[in-house]
Amino acid sequence: MNLEEDYKPFVISGIIFFLCVTITTLGGIEIVGIWMDAMYPIFILFSTASFAIAWIRWKKINEKS
C-alpha cells in the first residue's frame, strides 16, 4: 500500500461524510438530533476535503501511466 497514491480511503470517508450531510439535511433536528445538526458544517468540510484529496491522488496516478 502506497500512502501517497492510495485514494480509496478518502473516497470512502467522503461518501460517509456526504451521507451524514444528506441525512442531516433531509431528516432535520427531529430525526438526527441537535448534535448532528451542530456538526453539519464540519461534515461538509470533511466531505469536501476527502473528495478533493482523493481526486488529487487519483489524478496523480493517471498522469503517471
PDB file of N, CA and C in Angstrom:
ATOM      1  N   MET A   1       0.844  -1.182   0.000  1.00  0.00           N
ATOM      2  CA  MET A   1       0.000   0.000   0.000  1.00  0.00           C
ATOM      3  C   MET A   1       0.887   1.242   0.000  1.00  0.00           C
ATOM      4  N   ASN A   2       0.712   2.051  -0.999  1.00  0.00           N
ATOM      5  CA  ASN A   2       1.450   3.292  -1.106  1.00  0.00           C
ATOM      6  C   ASN A   2       0.562   4.435  -0.619  1.00  0.00           C
ATOM      7  N   LEU A   3       0.924   5.040   0.497  1.00  0.00           N
ATOM      8  CA  LEU A   3       0.074   6.064   1.096  1.00  0.00           C
ATOM      9  C   LEU A   3      -0.036   7.322   0.252  1.00  0.00           C
ATOM     10  N   GLU A   4       0.959   7.603  -0.573  1.00  0.00           N
ATOM     11  CA  GLU A   4       0.908   8.794  -1.404  1.00  0.00           C
ATOM     12  C   GLU A   4       0.000   8.620  -2.610  1.00  0.00           C
ATOM     13  N   GLU A   5      -0.255   7.380  -3.021  1.00  0.00           N
ATOM     14  CA  GLU A   5      -1.062   7.135  -4.207  1.00  0.00           C
ATOM     15  C   GLU A   5      -2.385   6.433  -3.903  1.00  0.00           C
ATOM     16  N   ASP A   6      -2.661   6.145  -2.656  1.00  0.00           N
ATOM     17  CA  ASP A   6      -3.879   5.438  -2.316  1.00  0.00           C
ATOM     18  C   ASP A   6      -5.012   6.437  -2.094  1.00  0.00           C
ATOM     19  N   TYR A   7      -6.025   6.359  -2.924  1.00  0.00           N
ATOM     20  CA  TYR A   7      -7.120   7.318  -2.853  1.00  0.00           C
ATOM     21  C   TYR A   7      -8.418   6.725  -2.317  1.00  0.00           C
ATOM     22  N   LYS A   8      -8.539   5.421  -2.256  1.00  0.00           N
ATOM     23  CA  LYS A   8      -9.795   4.780  -1.877  1.00  0.00           C
ATOM     24  C   LYS A   8     -10.269   5.092  -0.461  1.00  0.00           C
ATOM     25  N   PRO A   9      -9.403   5.153   0.558  1.00  0.00           N
ATOM     26  CA  PRO A   9      -9.902   5.519   1.889  1.00  0.00           C
ATOM     27  C   PRO A   9     -10.507   6.917   1.938  1.00  0.00           C
ATOM     28  N   PHE A  10      -9.984   7.824   1.113  1.00  0.00           N
ATOM     29  CA  PHE A  10     -10.531   9.174   1.089  1.00  0.00           C
ATOM     30  C   PHE A  10     -11.883   9.214   0.384  1.00  0.00           C
ATOM     31  N   VAL A  11     -12.051   8.392  -0.631  1.00  0.00           N
ATOM     32  CA  VAL A  11     -13.353   8.308  -1.294  1.00  0.00           C
ATOM     33  C   VAL A  11     -14.390   7.729  -0.333  1.00  0.00           C
ATOM     34  N   ILE A  12     -14.015   6.703   0.397  1.00  0.00           N
ATOM     35  CA  ILE A  12     -14.940   6.083   1.344  1.00  0.00           C
ATOM     36  C   ILE A  12     -15.313   7.057   2.457  1.00  0.00           C
ATOM     37  N   SER A  13     -14.331   7.753   3.013  1.00  0.00           N
ATOM     38  CA  SER A  13     -14.646   8.719   4.070  1.00  0.00           C
ATOM     39  C   SER A  13     -15.470   9.881   3.519  1.00  0.00           C
ATOM     40  N   GLY A  14     -15.212  10.296   2.290  1.00  0.00           N
ATOM     41  CA  GLY A  14     -16.020  11.343   1.674  1.00  0.00           C
ATOM     42  C   GLY A  14     -17.468  10.919   1.502  1.00  0.00           C
ATOM     43  N   ILE A  15     -17.678   9.668   1.123  1.00  0.00           N
ATOM     44  CA  ILE A  15     -19.041   9.149   0.975  1.00  0.00           C
ATOM     45  C   ILE A  15     -19.740   9.090   2.327  1.00  0.00           C
ATOM     46  N   ILE A  16     -19.038   8.658   3.349  1.00  0.00           N
ATOM     47  CA  ILE A  16     -19.633   8.576   4.691  1.00  0.00           C
ATOM     48  C   ILE A  16     -20.027   9.968   5.193  1.00  0.00           C
ATOM     49  N   PHE A  17     -19.137  10.938   5.043  1.00  0.00           N
ATOM     50  CA  PHE A  17     -19.462  12.292   5.488  1.00  0.00           C
ATOM     51  C   PHE A  17     -20.574  12.910   4.640  1.00  0.00           C
ATOM     52  N   PHE A  18     -20.594  12.587   3.345  1.00  0.00           N
ATOM     53  CA  PHE A  18     -21.663  13.089   2.492  1.00  0.00           C
ATOM     54  C   PHE A  18     -23.008  12.488   2.886  1.00  0.00           C
ATOM     55  N   LEU A  19     -23.010  11.225   3.288  1.00  0.00           N
ATOM     56  CA  LEU A  19     -24.243  10.614   3.793  1.00  0.00           C
ATOM     57  C   LEU A  19     -24.709  11.295   5.071  1.00  0.00           C
ATOM     58  N   CYS A  20     -23.785  11.653   5.942  1.00  0.00           N
ATOM     59  CA  CYS A  20     -24.145  12.386   7.156  1.00  0.00           C
ATOM     60  C   CYS A  20     -24.762  13.741   6.818  1.00  0.00           C
ATOM     61  N   VAL A  21     -24.207  14.426   5.821  1.00  0.00           N
ATOM     62  CA  VAL A  21     -24.755  15.706   5.393  1.00  0.00           C
ATOM     63  C   VAL A  21     -26.159  15.525   4.838  1.00  0.00           C
ATOM     64  N   THR A  22     -26.345  14.501   4.009  1.00  0.00           N
ATOM     65  CA  THR A  22     -27.645  14.251   3.410  1.00  0.00           C
ATOM     66  C   THR A  22     -28.685  13.883   4.454  1.00  0.00           C
ATOM     67  N   ILE A  23     -28.323  13.020   5.377  1.00  0.00           N
ATOM     68  CA  ILE A  23     -29.258  12.623   6.431  1.00  0.00           C
ATOM     69  C   ILE A  23     -29.635  13.816   7.291  1.00  0.00           C
ATOM     70  N   THR A  24     -28.666  14.664   7.601  1.00  0.00           N
ATOM     71  CA  THR A  24     -28.947  15.849   8.412  1.00  0.00           C
ATOM     72  C   THR A  24     -29.860  16.820   7.667  1.00  0.00           C
ATOM     73  N   THR A  25     -29.622  16.983   6.382  1.00  0.00           N
ATOM     74  CA  THR A  25     -30.441  17.903   5.600  1.00  0.00           C
ATOM     75  C   THR A  25     -31.875  17.393   5.469  1.00  0.00           C
ATOM     76  N   LEU A  26     -32.024  16.118   5.135  1.00  0.00           N
ATOM     77  CA  LEU A  26     -33.362  15.571   4.907  1.00  0.00           C
ATOM     78  C   LEU A  26     -34.112  15.271   6.203  1.00  0.00           C
ATOM     79  N   GLY A  27     -33.391  14.837   7.224  1.00  0.00           N
ATOM     80  CA  GLY A  27     -34.035  14.429   8.464  1.00  0.00           C
ATOM     81  C   GLY A  27     -34.408  15.574   9.385  1.00  0.00           C
ATOM     82  N   GLY A  28     -33.563  16.550   9.473  1.00  0.00           N
ATOM     83  CA  GLY A  28     -33.825  17.649  10.383  1.00  0.00           C
ATOM     84  C   GLY A  28     -33.492  17.274  11.822  1.00  0.00           C
ATOM     85  N   ILE A  29     -33.745  18.197  12.727  1.00  0.00           N
ATOM     86  CA  ILE A  29     -33.403  18.005  14.140  1.00  0.00           C
ATOM     87  C   ILE A  29     -34.254  16.906  14.764  1.00  0.00           C
ATOM     88  N   GLU A  30     -35.478  16.742  14.290  1.00  0.00           N
ATOM     89  CA  GLU A  30     -36.375  15.750  14.885  1.00  0.00           C
ATOM     90  C   GLU A  30     -35.854  14.326  14.725  1.00  0.00           C
ATOM     91  N   ILE A  31     -35.200  14.050  13.616  1.00  0.00           N
ATOM     92  CA  ILE A  31     -34.745  12.675  13.353  1.00  0.00           C
ATOM     93  C   ILE A  31     -33.301  12.455  13.801  1.00  0.00           C
ATOM     94  N   VAL A  32     -32.403  13.378  13.469  1.00  0.00           N
ATOM     95  CA  VAL A  32     -30.983  13.151  13.743  1.00  0.00           C
ATOM     96  C   VAL A  32     -30.517  13.729  15.069  1.00  0.00           C
ATOM     97  N   GLY A  33     -31.231  14.668  15.607  1.00  0.00           N
ATOM     98  CA  GLY A  33     -30.837  15.250  16.888  1.00  0.00           C
ATOM     99  C   GLY A  33     -30.068  16.542  16.718  1.00  0.00           C
ATOM    100  N   ILE A  34     -29.907  17.231  17.820  1.00  0.00           N
ATOM    101  CA  ILE A  34     -29.269  18.542  17.807  1.00  0.00           C
ATOM    102  C   ILE A  34     -27.761  18.445  17.575  1.00  0.00           C
ATOM    103  N   TRP A  35     -27.127  17.355  18.034  1.00  0.00           N
ATOM    104  CA  TRP A  35     -25.676  17.251  17.882  1.00  0.00           C
ATOM    105  C   TRP A  35     -25.289  17.078  16.420  1.00  0.00           C
ATOM    106  N   MET A  36     -26.098  16.337  15.665  1.00  0.00           N
ATOM    107  CA  MET A  36     -25.805  16.141  14.243  1.00  0.00           C
ATOM    108  C   MET A  36     -26.050  17.444  13.476  1.00  0.00           C
ATOM    109  N   ASP A  37     -27.041  18.195  13.888  1.00  0.00           N
ATOM    110  CA  ASP A  37     -27.301  19.481  13.264  1.00  0.00           C
ATOM    111  C   ASP A  37     -26.153  20.451  13.543  1.00  0.00           C
ATOM    112  N   ALA A  38     -25.591  20.379  14.730  1.00  0.00           N
ATOM    113  CA  ALA A  38     -24.462  21.239  15.071  1.00  0.00           C
ATOM    114  C   ALA A  38     -23.191  20.837  14.323  1.00  0.00           C
ATOM    115  N   MET A  39     -23.063  19.560  13.989  1.00  0.00           N
ATOM    116  CA  MET A  39     -21.878  19.058  13.283  1.00  0.00           C
ATOM    117  C   MET A  39     -21.978  19.225  11.767  1.00  0.00           C
ATOM    118  N   TYR A  40     -23.082  19.746  11.267  1.00  0.00           N
ATOM    119  CA  TYR A  40     -23.318  19.877   9.833  1.00  0.00           C
ATOM    120  C   TYR A  40     -22.181  20.593   9.088  1.00  0.00           C
ATOM    121  N   PRO A  41     -21.701  21.754   9.550  1.00  0.00           N
ATOM    122  CA  PRO A  41     -20.604  22.408   8.827  1.00  0.00           C
ATOM    123  C   PRO A  41     -19.317  21.577   8.803  1.00  0.00           C
ATOM    124  N   ILE A  42     -19.063  20.856   9.860  1.00  0.00           N
ATOM    125  CA  ILE A  42     -17.861  20.016   9.905  1.00  0.00           C
ATOM    126  C   ILE A  42     -17.990  18.843   8.937  1.00  0.00           C
ATOM    127  N   PHE A  43     -19.192  18.268   8.847  1.00  0.00           N
ATOM    128  CA  PHE A  43     -19.421  17.191   7.886  1.00  0.00           C
ATOM    129  C   PHE A  43     -19.206  17.679   6.457  1.00  0.00           C
ATOM    130  N   ILE A  44     -19.664  18.870   6.152  1.00  0.00           N
ATOM    131  CA  ILE A  44     -19.458  19.427   4.809  1.00  0.00           C
ATOM    132  C   ILE A  44     -17.968  19.645   4.546  1.00  0.00           C
ATOM    133  N   LEU A  45     -17.278  20.188   5.522  1.00  0.00           N
ATOM    134  CA  LEU A  45     -15.843  20.441   5.373  1.00  0.00           C
ATOM    135  C   LEU A  45     -15.074  19.142   5.137  1.00  0.00           C
ATOM    136  N   PHE A  46     -15.326  18.132   5.964  1.00  0.00           N
ATOM    137  CA  PHE A  46     -14.620  16.854   5.819  1.00  0.00           C
ATOM    138  C   PHE A  46     -14.978  16.137   4.524  1.00  0.00           C
ATOM    139  N   SER A  47     -16.227  16.218   4.115  1.00  0.00           N
ATOM    140  CA  SER A  47     -16.639  15.592   2.866  1.00  0.00           C
ATOM    141  C   SER A  47     -15.930  16.229   1.680  1.00  0.00           C
ATOM    142  N   THR A  48     -15.917  17.538   1.636  1.00  0.00           N
ATOM    143  CA  THR A  48     -15.252  18.251   0.542  1.00  0.00           C
ATOM    144  C   THR A  48     -13.750  17.977   0.535  1.00  0.00           C
ATOM    145  N   ALA A  49     -13.145  18.001   1.705  1.00  0.00           N
ATOM    146  CA  ALA A  49     -11.699  17.759   1.791  1.00  0.00           C
ATOM    147  C   ALA A  49     -11.351  16.334   1.376  1.00  0.00           C
ATOM    148  N   SER A  50     -12.140  15.367   1.790  1.00  0.00           N
ATOM    149  CA  SER A  50     -11.867  13.969   1.441  1.00  0.00           C
ATOM    150  C   SER A  50     -11.974  13.745  -0.066  1.00  0.00           C
ATOM    151  N   PHE A  51     -13.034  14.291  -0.675  1.00  0.00           N
ATOM    152  CA  PHE A  51     -13.170  14.150  -2.123  1.00  0.00           C
ATOM    153  C   PHE A  51     -12.065  14.885  -2.870  1.00  0.00           C
ATOM    154  N   ALA A  52     -11.627  16.023  -2.367  1.00  0.00           N
ATOM    155  CA  ALA A  52     -10.555  16.766  -3.026  1.00  0.00           C
ATOM    156  C   ALA A  52      -9.232  16.021  -2.961  1.00  0.00           C
ATOM    157  N   ILE A  53      -8.913  15.471  -1.800  1.00  0.00           N
ATOM    158  CA  ILE A  53      -7.674  14.702  -1.665  1.00  0.00           C
ATOM    159  C   ILE A  53      -7.722  13.456  -2.540  1.00  0.00           C
ATOM    160  N   ALA A  54      -8.858  12.779  -2.570  1.00  0.00           N
ATOM    161  CA  ALA A  54      -8.993  11.588  -3.412  1.00  0.00           C
ATOM    162  C   ALA A  54      -8.838  11.945  -4.883  1.00  0.00           C
ATOM    163  N   TRP A  55      -9.416  13.062  -5.307  1.00  0.00           N
ATOM    164  CA  TRP A  55      -9.308  13.482  -6.700  1.00  0.00           C
ATOM    165  C   TRP A  55      -7.857  13.793  -7.065  1.00  0.00           C
ATOM    166  N   ILE A  56      -7.145  14.487  -6.197  1.00  0.00           N
ATOM    167  CA  ILE A  56      -5.751  14.835  -6.472  1.00  0.00           C
ATOM    168  C   ILE A  56      -4.896  13.579  -6.581  1.00  0.00           C
ATOM    169  N   ARG A  57      -5.092  12.649  -5.665  1.00  0.00           N
ATOM    170  CA  ARG A  57      -4.294  11.417  -5.700  1.00  0.00           C
ATOM    171  C   ARG A  57      -4.654  10.548  -6.900  1.00  0.00           C
ATOM    172  N   TRP A  58      -5.942  10.475  -7.258  1.00  0.00           N
ATOM    173  CA  TRP A  58      -6.363   9.681  -8.407  1.00  0.00           C
ATOM    174  C   TRP A  58      -5.810  10.282  -9.696  1.00  0.00           C
ATOM    175  N   LYS A  59      -5.842  11.595  -9.798  1.00  0.00           N
ATOM    176  CA  LYS A  59      -5.319  12.268 -10.982  1.00  0.00           C
ATOM    177  C   LYS A  59      -3.812  12.070 -11.095  1.00  0.00           C
ATOM    178  N   LYS A  60      -3.129  12.056  -9.968  1.00  0.00           N
ATOM    179  CA  LYS A  60      -1.677  11.847  -9.958  1.00  0.00           C
ATOM    180  C   LYS A  60      -1.331  10.450 -10.472  1.00  0.00           C
ATOM    181  N   ILE A  61      -2.137   9.448 -10.119  1.00  0.00           N
ATOM    182  CA  ILE A  61      -1.903   8.084 -10.598  1.00  0.00           C
ATOM    183  C   ILE A  61      -2.107   8.004 -12.094  1.00  0.00           C
ATOM    184  N   ASN A  62      -3.158   8.647 -12.618  1.00  0.00           N
ATOM    185  CA  ASN A  62      -3.454   8.580 -14.044  1.00  0.00           C
ATOM    186  C   ASN A  62      -2.447   9.340 -14.879  1.00  0.00           C
ATOM    187  N   GLU A  63      -1.836  10.371 -14.344  1.00  0.00           N
ATOM    188  CA  GLU A  63      -0.838  11.110 -15.106  1.00  0.00           C
ATOM    189  C   GLU A  63       0.466  10.333 -15.260  1.00  0.00           C
ATOM    190  N   LYS A  64       0.768   9.459 -14.299  1.00  0.00           N
ATOM    191  CA  LYS A  64       1.982   8.671 -14.374  1.00  0.00           C
ATOM    192  C   LYS A  64       1.878   7.565 -15.418  1.00  0.00           C
ATOM    193  N   SER A  65       0.678   7.022 -15.613  1.00  0.00           N
ATOM    194  CA  SER A  65       0.531   5.888 -16.546  1.00  0.00           C
ATOM    195  C   SER A  65       0.256   6.332 -17.952  1.00  0.00           C
TER     196      SER A  65
END
